[in-house]
Amino acid sequence: MSKWTDIRDSIEEAVTDTKIDEQVKQQVTQKLYDVVLPSLRKLGDGFTDSVKAQSATETGWCKIRDAIVLPGIIQGGLWLLEVTLKKVIKETTGVDVQTA
């Protein structure tokens, strides 16, 4: 089996055997905010920087796609994810999340 299959199977096994209570959900939400979101932000920033730079050599709809559409969707999606996670964390734990 591939490593990905082994990892997937171990995650499925762990989730199946774990009692998912409020504390687990809060921890997962916090990890998404603390660990996953910064990684996604870094990937998104790198991608949008690249396509914006490439838009200088594009024309027509490809220029609009690279300069506006893709960066807007990616950055907007990341912003929405951040706002949503902050709201969920505040409502479930009573703690305001500070932006780093």
N, C-alpha and C. Protein backbone atom coordinates (compact mmCIF):
# COMPACT_ATOMS: atom_id res chain seq x y z
N MET A 1 0.83 -1.19 0.00
CA MET A 1 0.00 0.00 0.00
C MET A 1 0.87 1.25 0.00
N SER A 2 0.31 2.32 -0.49
CA SER A 2 1.05 3.58 -0.49
C SER A 2 1.00 4.23 0.89
N LYS A 3 1.90 5.18 1.10
CA LYS A 3 1.91 5.89 2.38
C LYS A 3 0.61 6.64 2.58
N TRP A 4 0.09 7.23 1.49
CA TRP A 4 -1.17 7.97 1.61
C TRP A 4 -2.29 7.05 2.10
N THR A 5 -2.37 5.84 1.56
CA THR A 5 -3.39 4.89 1.98
C THR A 5 -3.23 4.52 3.44
N ASP A 6 -2.00 4.32 3.88
CA ASP A 6 -1.74 4.01 5.29
C ASP A 6 -2.16 5.16 6.19
N ILE A 7 -1.83 6.39 5.79
CA ILE A 7 -2.21 7.57 6.58
C ILE A 7 -3.72 7.71 6.63
N ARG A 8 -4.36 7.59 5.47
CA ARG A 8 -5.82 7.69 5.40
C ARG A 8 -6.48 6.64 6.30
N ASP A 9 -6.02 5.40 6.20
CA ASP A 9 -6.59 4.33 7.00
C ASP A 9 -6.40 4.57 8.50
N SER A 10 -5.24 5.09 8.89
CA SER A 10 -5.00 5.35 10.32
C SER A 10 -5.88 6.49 10.82
N ILE A 11 -6.12 7.49 9.98
CA ILE A 11 -7.01 8.59 10.37
C ILE A 11 -8.43 8.07 10.52
N GLU A 12 -8.89 7.29 9.54
CA GLU A 12 -10.24 6.73 9.62
C GLU A 12 -10.41 5.86 10.86
N GLU A 13 -9.39 5.09 11.17
CA GLU A 13 -9.44 4.22 12.35
C GLU A 13 -9.49 5.05 13.63
N ALA A 14 -8.68 6.09 13.70
CA ALA A 14 -8.65 6.94 14.88
C ALA A 14 -9.98 7.65 15.09
N VAL A 15 -10.57 8.15 14.00
CA VAL A 15 -11.85 8.85 14.11
C VAL A 15 -12.96 7.89 14.52
N THR A 16 -12.92 6.69 13.99
CA THR A 16 -13.93 5.69 14.32
C THR A 16 -13.87 5.31 15.79
N ASP A 17 -12.66 5.22 16.33
CA ASP A 17 -12.49 4.79 17.71
C ASP A 17 -12.58 5.93 18.72
N THR A 18 -12.63 7.17 18.28
CA THR A 18 -12.62 8.32 19.18
C THR A 18 -14.04 8.80 19.44
N LYS A 19 -14.30 9.05 20.71
CA LYS A 19 -15.58 9.66 21.07
C LYS A 19 -15.46 11.15 20.78
N ILE A 20 -16.30 11.63 19.90
CA ILE A 20 -16.23 13.04 19.50
C ILE A 20 -17.22 13.82 20.35
N ASP A 21 -16.65 14.54 21.33
CA ASP A 21 -17.47 15.37 22.20
C ASP A 21 -17.14 16.84 21.93
N GLU A 22 -17.71 17.73 22.71
CA GLU A 22 -17.53 19.16 22.51
C GLU A 22 -16.06 19.57 22.60
N GLN A 23 -15.33 18.98 23.52
CA GLN A 23 -13.92 19.33 23.68
C GLN A 23 -13.11 18.97 22.43
N VAL A 24 -13.38 17.82 21.85
CA VAL A 24 -12.68 17.41 20.64
C VAL A 24 -13.01 18.36 19.50
N LYS A 25 -14.26 18.73 19.36
CA LYS A 25 -14.66 19.65 18.29
C LYS A 25 -13.99 21.01 18.47
N GLN A 26 -13.89 21.48 19.71
CA GLN A 26 -13.22 22.75 19.96
C GLN A 26 -11.73 22.66 19.64
N GLN A 27 -11.11 21.55 19.99
CA GLN A 27 -9.69 21.37 19.70
C GLN A 27 -9.43 21.31 18.19
N VAL A 28 -10.29 20.62 17.47
CA VAL A 28 -10.13 20.53 16.02
C VAL A 28 -10.30 21.92 15.40
N THR A 29 -11.30 22.65 15.85
CA THR A 29 -11.52 24.00 15.32
C THR A 29 -10.31 24.89 15.60
N GLN A 30 -9.75 24.81 16.80
CA GLN A 30 -8.59 25.62 17.14
C GLN A 30 -7.38 25.22 16.30
N LYS A 31 -7.18 23.92 16.09
CA LYS A 31 -6.06 23.45 15.26
C LYS A 31 -6.22 23.92 13.81
N LEU A 32 -7.46 23.90 13.32
CA LEU A 32 -7.69 24.42 11.97
C LEU A 32 -7.25 25.87 11.88
N TYR A 33 -7.56 26.65 12.92
CA TYR A 33 -7.20 28.06 12.92
C TYR A 33 -5.69 28.26 13.11
N ASP A 34 -5.11 27.52 14.05
CA ASP A 34 -3.70 27.71 14.41
C ASP A 34 -2.71 27.08 13.43
N VAL A 35 -3.07 25.95 12.84
CA VAL A 35 -2.12 25.19 12.03
C VAL A 35 -2.49 25.18 10.55
N VAL A 36 -3.72 24.81 10.24
CA VAL A 36 -4.12 24.64 8.84
C VAL A 36 -4.26 25.99 8.13
N LEU A 37 -4.93 26.95 8.76
CA LEU A 37 -5.15 28.24 8.13
C LEU A 37 -3.85 28.95 7.74
N PRO A 38 -2.84 29.02 8.64
CA PRO A 38 -1.59 29.66 8.22
C PRO A 38 -0.93 28.96 7.02
N SER A 39 -1.01 27.64 6.97
CA SER A 39 -0.45 26.91 5.82
C SER A 39 -1.21 27.24 4.55
N LEU A 40 -2.54 27.26 4.64
CA LEU A 40 -3.34 27.61 3.49
C LEU A 40 -3.08 29.05 3.05
N ARG A 41 -2.91 29.94 4.02
CA ARG A 41 -2.63 31.35 3.71
C ARG A 41 -1.30 31.46 2.96
N LYS A 42 -0.28 30.73 3.42
CA LYS A 42 1.03 30.77 2.76
C LYS A 42 0.93 30.25 1.33
N LEU A 43 0.24 29.12 1.15
CA LEU A 43 0.05 28.57 -0.19
C LEU A 43 -0.75 29.53 -1.07
N GLY A 44 -1.82 30.07 -0.52
CA GLY A 44 -2.66 31.00 -1.28
C GLY A 44 -1.92 32.25 -1.67
N ASP A 45 -1.14 32.81 -0.75
CA ASP A 45 -0.36 34.02 -1.04
C ASP A 45 0.66 33.75 -2.14
N GLY A 46 1.34 32.62 -2.06
CA GLY A 46 2.32 32.27 -3.09
C GLY A 46 1.68 32.10 -4.45
N PHE A 47 0.54 31.43 -4.48
CA PHE A 47 -0.16 31.21 -5.74
C PHE A 47 -0.65 32.53 -6.32
N THR A 48 -1.30 33.35 -5.50
CA THR A 48 -1.83 34.61 -6.02
C THR A 48 -0.71 35.55 -6.46
N ASP A 49 0.40 35.57 -5.73
CA ASP A 49 1.54 36.39 -6.16
C ASP A 49 2.03 35.94 -7.54
N SER A 50 2.10 34.64 -7.75
CA SER A 50 2.57 34.10 -9.03
C SER A 50 1.62 34.45 -10.18
N VAL A 51 0.33 34.21 -9.97
CA VAL A 51 -0.59 34.48 -11.08
C VAL A 51 -0.73 35.98 -11.35
N LYS A 52 -0.63 36.80 -10.30
CA LYS A 52 -0.66 38.25 -10.53
C LYS A 52 0.55 38.68 -11.35
N ALA A 53 1.72 38.12 -11.06
CA ALA A 53 2.92 38.44 -11.83
C ALA A 53 2.78 37.97 -13.28
N GLN A 54 2.18 36.82 -13.48
CA GLN A 54 1.99 36.29 -14.82
C GLN A 54 0.95 37.09 -15.61
N SER A 55 0.05 37.76 -14.90
CA SER A 55 -0.99 38.52 -15.59
C SER A 55 -0.42 39.66 -16.43
N ALA A 56 0.79 40.10 -16.10
CA ALA A 56 1.42 41.18 -16.87
C ALA A 56 1.67 40.77 -18.32
N THR A 57 1.85 39.49 -18.55
CA THR A 57 2.12 39.03 -19.93
C THR A 57 0.89 38.44 -20.60
N GLU A 58 -0.22 38.40 -19.91
CA GLU A 58 -1.45 37.84 -20.47
C GLU A 58 -2.28 38.93 -21.13
N THR A 59 -3.26 38.51 -21.92
CA THR A 59 -4.19 39.46 -22.54
C THR A 59 -5.60 38.93 -22.41
N GLY A 60 -6.56 39.80 -22.57
CA GLY A 60 -7.97 39.41 -22.57
C GLY A 60 -8.43 38.78 -21.27
N TRP A 61 -9.24 37.74 -21.44
CA TRP A 61 -9.83 37.08 -20.27
C TRP A 61 -8.78 36.41 -19.39
N CYS A 62 -7.69 35.96 -19.98
CA CYS A 62 -6.62 35.34 -19.19
C CYS A 62 -5.99 36.36 -18.26
N LYS A 63 -5.87 37.60 -18.71
CA LYS A 63 -5.33 38.66 -17.87
C LYS A 63 -6.28 38.94 -16.70
N ILE A 64 -7.57 39.01 -16.99
CA ILE A 64 -8.57 39.23 -15.94
C ILE A 64 -8.57 38.07 -14.95
N ARG A 65 -8.50 36.86 -15.47
CA ARG A 65 -8.45 35.66 -14.61
C ARG A 65 -7.26 35.73 -13.65
N ASP A 66 -6.08 36.02 -14.20
CA ASP A 66 -4.86 36.00 -13.39
C ASP A 66 -4.72 37.21 -12.48
N ALA A 67 -5.22 38.35 -12.91
CA ALA A 67 -5.06 39.56 -12.11
C ALA A 67 -6.16 39.75 -11.07
N ILE A 68 -7.38 39.26 -11.39
CA ILE A 68 -8.52 39.57 -10.51
C ILE A 68 -9.25 38.32 -10.01
N VAL A 69 -9.68 37.46 -10.93
CA VAL A 69 -10.59 36.36 -10.57
C VAL A 69 -9.94 35.37 -9.61
N LEU A 70 -8.84 34.74 -10.02
CA LEU A 70 -8.22 33.73 -9.15
C LEU A 70 -7.73 34.32 -7.83
N PRO A 71 -7.00 35.45 -7.84
CA PRO A 71 -6.59 36.01 -6.56
C PRO A 71 -7.78 36.39 -5.67
N GLY A 72 -8.83 36.93 -6.27
CA GLY A 72 -10.00 37.31 -5.49
C GLY A 72 -10.70 36.13 -4.84
N ILE A 73 -10.86 35.07 -5.61
CA ILE A 73 -11.52 33.87 -5.08
C ILE A 73 -10.68 33.24 -3.97
N ILE A 74 -9.39 33.13 -4.20
CA ILE A 74 -8.52 32.49 -3.21
C ILE A 74 -8.42 33.33 -1.95
N GLN A 75 -8.12 34.61 -2.09
CA GLN A 75 -7.98 35.47 -0.92
C GLN A 75 -9.32 35.65 -0.21
N GLY A 76 -10.39 35.77 -0.98
CA GLY A 76 -11.73 35.88 -0.39
C GLY A 76 -12.12 34.63 0.37
N GLY A 77 -11.80 33.48 -0.20
CA GLY A 77 -12.10 32.22 0.48
C GLY A 77 -11.32 32.06 1.77
N LEU A 78 -10.05 32.45 1.74
CA LEU A 78 -9.23 32.38 2.95
C LEU A 78 -9.73 33.35 4.01
N TRP A 79 -10.12 34.54 3.58
CA TRP A 79 -10.68 35.52 4.52
C TRP A 79 -11.96 34.97 5.15
N LEU A 80 -12.85 34.41 4.32
CA LEU A 80 -14.11 33.86 4.83
C LEU A 80 -13.85 32.71 5.80
N LEU A 81 -12.90 31.85 5.49
CA LEU A 81 -12.54 30.75 6.38
C LEU A 81 -12.04 31.28 7.72
N GLU A 82 -11.17 32.30 7.67
CA GLU A 82 -10.65 32.88 8.91
C GLU A 82 -11.75 33.50 9.76
N VAL A 83 -12.62 34.28 9.12
CA VAL A 83 -13.71 34.93 9.85
C VAL A 83 -14.64 33.88 10.47
N THR A 84 -14.95 32.85 9.71
CA THR A 84 -15.83 31.78 10.20
C THR A 84 -15.21 31.05 11.38
N LEU A 85 -13.93 30.67 11.27
CA LEU A 85 -13.27 29.97 12.37
C LEU A 85 -13.21 30.85 13.62
N LYS A 86 -12.90 32.15 13.46
CA LYS A 86 -12.87 33.06 14.61
C LYS A 86 -14.23 33.11 15.29
N LYS A 87 -15.28 33.22 14.50
CA LYS A 87 -16.64 33.30 15.05
C LYS A 87 -17.00 32.02 15.78
N VAL A 88 -16.68 30.88 15.19
CA VAL A 88 -17.00 29.59 15.82
C VAL A 88 -16.22 29.45 17.12
N ILE A 89 -14.94 29.78 17.11
CA ILE A 89 -14.13 29.68 18.33
C ILE A 89 -14.68 30.59 19.42
N LYS A 90 -15.03 31.81 19.07
CA LYS A 90 -15.56 32.74 20.07
C LYS A 90 -16.88 32.25 20.64
N GLU A 91 -17.76 31.77 19.77
CA GLU A 91 -19.09 31.32 20.23
C GLU A 91 -19.02 30.02 21.05
N THR A 92 -18.06 29.16 20.75
CA THR A 92 -18.00 27.87 21.48
C THR A 92 -17.12 27.91 22.71
N THR A 93 -16.12 28.81 22.71
CA THR A 93 -15.22 28.86 23.87
C THR A 93 -15.31 30.17 24.66
N GLY A 94 -15.89 31.19 24.03
CA GLY A 94 -15.97 32.49 24.68
C GLY A 94 -14.67 33.27 24.59
N VAL A 95 -13.72 32.81 23.79
CA VAL A 95 -12.41 33.44 23.68
C VAL A 95 -12.30 34.12 22.32
N ASP A 96 -11.90 35.40 22.33
CA ASP A 96 -11.64 36.11 21.08
C ASP A 96 -10.30 35.68 20.53
N VAL A 97 -10.25 35.35 19.27
CA VAL A 97 -9.00 34.96 18.62
C VAL A 97 -8.36 36.23 18.08
N GLN A 98 -7.09 36.41 18.40
CA GLN A 98 -6.34 37.57 17.92
C GLN A 98 -5.62 37.20 16.65
N THR A 99 -5.68 38.06 15.67
CA THR A 99 -4.97 37.84 14.42
C THR A 99 -3.48 38.05 14.64
N ALA A 100 -2.72 37.09 14.14
CA ALA A 100 -1.26 37.17 14.32
C ALA A 100 -0.65 38.19 13.41
